[in-house]
Amino acid sequence: MKVYVRPNNIVMVGKAWEIRNKLREYSLHHVYVKTWINALKDE
């Protein structure tokens, strides 16, 4: 599973079940994709 963070979007590459699990994991911390991208920029 790979996650590519770009300035305006996020690209996830992997099997469907891996992407689904990763989205569930990230949804616990971030409601919107924009907040997820901003949080990654701040790190």
PDB file of N, CA and C in Angstrom:
ATOM      1  N   MET A   1       0.852  -1.173   0.000  1.00  0.00           N
ATOM      2  CA  MET A   1       0.000   0.000   0.000  1.00  0.00           C
ATOM      3  C   MET A   1       0.892   1.227   0.000  1.00  0.00           C
ATOM      4  N   LYS A   2       0.608   2.121  -0.906  1.00  0.00           N
ATOM      5  CA  LYS A   2       1.356   3.368  -0.992  1.00  0.00           C
ATOM      6  C   LYS A   2       0.376   4.531  -0.963  1.00  0.00           C
ATOM      7  N   VAL A   3       0.795   5.602  -0.275  1.00  0.00           N
ATOM      8  CA  VAL A   3      -0.005   6.819  -0.198  1.00  0.00           C
ATOM      9  C   VAL A   3       0.868   7.962  -0.677  1.00  0.00           C
ATOM     10  N   TYR A   4       0.450   8.609  -1.764  1.00  0.00           N
ATOM     11  CA  TYR A   4       1.174   9.749  -2.315  1.00  0.00           C
ATOM     12  C   TYR A   4       0.407  11.016  -1.973  1.00  0.00           C
ATOM     13  N   VAL A   5       1.070  11.931  -1.294  1.00  0.00           N
ATOM     14  CA  VAL A   5       0.438  13.194  -0.920  1.00  0.00           C
ATOM     15  C   VAL A   5       0.945  14.262  -1.866  1.00  0.00           C
ATOM     16  N   ARG A   6       0.032  14.867  -2.583  1.00  0.00           N
ATOM     17  CA  ARG A   6       0.342  15.948  -3.509  1.00  0.00           C
ATOM     18  C   ARG A   6      -0.242  17.233  -2.943  1.00  0.00           C
ATOM     19  N   PRO A   7       0.122  18.371  -3.492  1.00  0.00           N
ATOM     20  CA  PRO A   7      -0.381  19.639  -2.931  1.00  0.00           C
ATOM     21  C   PRO A   7      -1.907  19.739  -2.870  1.00  0.00           C
ATOM     22  N   ASN A   8      -2.613  19.153  -3.844  1.00  0.00           N
ATOM     23  CA  ASN A   8      -4.070  19.311  -3.883  1.00  0.00           C
ATOM     24  C   ASN A   8      -4.846  18.016  -3.737  1.00  0.00           C
ATOM     25  N   ASN A   9      -4.159  16.887  -3.649  1.00  0.00           N
ATOM     26  CA  ASN A   9      -4.881  15.625  -3.542  1.00  0.00           C
ATOM     27  C   ASN A   9      -4.013  14.551  -2.911  1.00  0.00           C
ATOM     28  N   ILE A  10      -4.621  13.401  -2.683  1.00  0.00           N
ATOM     29  CA  ILE A  10      -3.931  12.241  -2.136  1.00  0.00           C
ATOM     30  C   ILE A  10      -4.232  11.069  -3.056  1.00  0.00           C
ATOM     31  N   VAL A  11      -3.195  10.320  -3.431  1.00  0.00           N
ATOM     32  CA  VAL A  11      -3.351   9.154  -4.292  1.00  0.00           C
ATOM     33  C   VAL A  11      -2.998   7.925  -3.467  1.00  0.00           C
ATOM     34  N   MET A  12      -3.906   6.960  -3.434  1.00  0.00           N
ATOM     35  CA  MET A  12      -3.674   5.720  -2.702  1.00  0.00           C
ATOM     36  C   MET A  12      -3.581   4.587  -3.704  1.00  0.00           C
ATOM     37  N   VAL A  13      -2.534   3.770  -3.571  1.00  0.00           N
ATOM     38  CA  VAL A  13      -2.315   2.649  -4.475  1.00  0.00           C
ATOM     39  C   VAL A  13      -2.228   1.384  -3.635  1.00  0.00           C
ATOM     40  N   GLY A  14      -3.043   0.415  -3.981  1.00  0.00           N
ATOM     41  CA  GLY A  14      -3.025  -0.850  -3.258  1.00  0.00           C
ATOM     42  C   GLY A  14      -4.275  -1.644  -3.573  1.00  0.00           C
ATOM     43  N   LYS A  15      -4.439  -2.707  -2.845  1.00  0.00           N
ATOM     44  CA  LYS A  15      -5.631  -3.531  -3.010  1.00  0.00           C
ATOM     45  C   LYS A  15      -6.823  -2.800  -2.395  1.00  0.00           C
ATOM     46  N   ALA A  16      -8.011  -3.149  -2.854  1.00  0.00           N
ATOM     47  CA  ALA A  16      -9.223  -2.456  -2.398  1.00  0.00           C
ATOM     48  C   ALA A  16      -9.384  -2.548  -0.885  1.00  0.00           C
ATOM     49  N   TRP A  17      -9.125  -3.710  -0.301  1.00  0.00           N
ATOM     50  CA  TRP A  17      -9.289  -3.854   1.146  1.00  0.00           C
ATOM     51  C   TRP A  17      -8.255  -3.037   1.907  1.00  0.00           C
ATOM     52  N   GLU A  18      -7.048  -2.857   1.350  1.00  0.00           N
ATOM     53  CA  GLU A  18      -6.021  -2.040   2.000  1.00  0.00           C
ATOM     54  C   GLU A  18      -6.426  -0.570   2.004  1.00  0.00           C
ATOM     55  N   ILE A  19      -6.943  -0.100   0.864  1.00  0.00           N
ATOM     56  CA  ILE A  19      -7.364   1.297   0.755  1.00  0.00           C
ATOM     57  C   ILE A  19      -8.545   1.565   1.679  1.00  0.00           C
ATOM     58  N   ARG A  20      -9.496   0.639   1.722  1.00  0.00           N
ATOM     59  CA  ARG A  20     -10.657   0.781   2.605  1.00  0.00           C
ATOM     60  C   ARG A  20     -10.228   0.875   4.071  1.00  0.00           C
ATOM     61  N   ASN A  21      -9.300   0.003   4.480  1.00  0.00           N
ATOM     62  CA  ASN A  21      -8.815   0.032   5.864  1.00  0.00           C
ATOM     63  C   ASN A  21      -8.067   1.320   6.169  1.00  0.00           C
ATOM     64  N   LYS A  22      -7.260   1.786   5.224  1.00  0.00           N
ATOM     65  CA  LYS A  22      -6.493   3.019   5.433  1.00  0.00           C
ATOM     66  C   LYS A  22      -7.432   4.217   5.525  1.00  0.00           C
ATOM     67  N   LEU A  23      -8.483   4.256   4.689  1.00  0.00           N
ATOM     68  CA  LEU A  23      -9.456   5.348   4.755  1.00  0.00           C
ATOM     69  C   LEU A  23     -10.191   5.344   6.092  1.00  0.00           C
ATOM     70  N   ARG A  24     -10.521   4.162   6.599  1.00  0.00           N
ATOM     71  CA  ARG A  24     -11.165   4.079   7.912  1.00  0.00           C
ATOM     72  C   ARG A  24     -10.233   4.588   9.000  1.00  0.00           C
ATOM     73  N   GLU A  25      -8.955   4.241   8.895  1.00  0.00           N
ATOM     74  CA  GLU A  25      -7.966   4.696   9.875  1.00  0.00           C
ATOM     75  C   GLU A  25      -7.845   6.219   9.865  1.00  0.00           C
ATOM     76  N   TYR A  26      -7.732   6.799   8.670  1.00  0.00           N
ATOM     77  CA  TYR A  26      -7.595   8.247   8.570  1.00  0.00           C
ATOM     78  C   TYR A  26      -8.886   8.975   8.932  1.00  0.00           C
ATOM     79  N   SER A  27     -10.037   8.342   8.741  1.00  0.00           N
ATOM     80  CA  SER A  27     -11.302   9.005   9.059  1.00  0.00           C
ATOM     81  C   SER A  27     -11.488   9.190  10.562  1.00  0.00           C
ATOM     82  N   LEU A  28     -10.743   8.466  11.371  1.00  0.00           N
ATOM     83  CA  LEU A  28     -10.810   8.663  12.818  1.00  0.00           C
ATOM     84  C   LEU A  28     -10.176   9.986  13.230  1.00  0.00           C
ATOM     85  N   HIS A  29      -9.242  10.488  12.407  1.00  0.00           N
ATOM     86  CA  HIS A  29      -8.508  11.704  12.740  1.00  0.00           C
ATOM     87  C   HIS A  29      -8.945  12.918  11.924  1.00  0.00           C
ATOM     88  N   HIS A  30      -9.362  12.703  10.689  1.00  0.00           N
ATOM     89  CA  HIS A  30      -9.673  13.815   9.791  1.00  0.00           C
ATOM     90  C   HIS A  30     -11.034  13.588   9.147  1.00  0.00           C
ATOM     91  N   VAL A  31     -11.873  14.614   9.194  1.00  0.00           N
ATOM     92  CA  VAL A  31     -13.201  14.513   8.591  1.00  0.00           C
ATOM     93  C   VAL A  31     -13.120  14.767   7.092  1.00  0.00           C
ATOM     94  N   TYR A  32     -12.291  15.747   6.697  1.00  0.00           N
ATOM     95  CA  TYR A  32     -12.183  16.126   5.296  1.00  0.00           C
ATOM     96  C   TYR A  32     -10.780  15.846   4.772  1.00  0.00           C
ATOM     97  N   VAL A  33     -10.685  15.627   3.473  1.00  0.00           N
ATOM     98  CA  VAL A  33      -9.387  15.399   2.839  1.00  0.00           C
ATOM     99  C   VAL A  33      -8.516  16.646   2.967  1.00  0.00           C
ATOM    100  N   LYS A  34      -9.119  17.813   2.897  1.00  0.00           N
ATOM    101  CA  LYS A  34      -8.365  19.070   3.005  1.00  0.00           C
ATOM    102  C   LYS A  34      -7.649  19.168   4.355  1.00  0.00           C
ATOM    103  N   THR A  35      -8.328  18.799   5.430  1.00  0.00           N
ATOM    104  CA  THR A  35      -7.677  18.840   6.746  1.00  0.00           C
ATOM    105  C   THR A  35      -6.572  17.799   6.840  1.00  0.00           C
ATOM    106  N   TRP A  36      -6.753  16.673   6.173  1.00  0.00           N
ATOM    107  CA  TRP A  36      -5.732  15.623   6.144  1.00  0.00           C
ATOM    108  C   TRP A  36      -4.483  16.138   5.433  1.00  0.00           C
ATOM    109  N   ILE A  37      -4.654  16.784   4.281  1.00  0.00           N
ATOM    110  CA  ILE A  37      -3.520  17.328   3.523  1.00  0.00           C
ATOM    111  C   ILE A  37      -2.824  18.419   4.333  1.00  0.00           C
ATOM    112  N   ASN A  38      -3.599  19.305   4.948  1.00  0.00           N
ATOM    113  CA  ASN A  38      -3.002  20.378   5.750  1.00  0.00           C
ATOM    114  C   ASN A  38      -2.229  19.825   6.941  1.00  0.00           C
ATOM    115  N   ALA A  39      -2.733  18.774   7.558  1.00  0.00           N
ATOM    116  CA  ALA A  39      -2.036  18.164   8.691  1.00  0.00           C
ATOM    117  C   ALA A  39      -0.713  17.546   8.244  1.00  0.00           C
ATOM    118  N   LEU A  40      -0.694  16.965   7.056  1.00  0.00           N
ATOM    119  CA  LEU A  40       0.544  16.370   6.549  1.00  0.00           C
ATOM    120  C   LEU A  40       1.561  17.435   6.168  1.00  0.00           C
ATOM    121  N   LYS A  41       1.086  18.580   5.701  1.00  0.00           N
ATOM    122  CA  LYS A  41       1.993  19.681   5.356  1.00  0.00           C
ATOM    123  C   LYS A  41       2.660  20.242   6.604  1.00  0.00           C
ATOM    124  N   ASP A  42       1.934  20.248   7.728  1.00  0.00           N
ATOM    125  CA  ASP A  42       2.451  20.819   8.968  1.00  0.00           C
ATOM    126  C   ASP A  42       3.515  19.941   9.622  1.00  0.00           C
ATOM    127  N   GLU A  43       3.561  18.654   9.280  1.00  0.00           N
ATOM    128  CA  GLU A  43       4.536  17.740   9.900  1.00  0.00           C
ATOM    129  C   GLU A  43       5.926  17.979   9.439  1.00  0.00           C
TER     130      GLU A  43
END
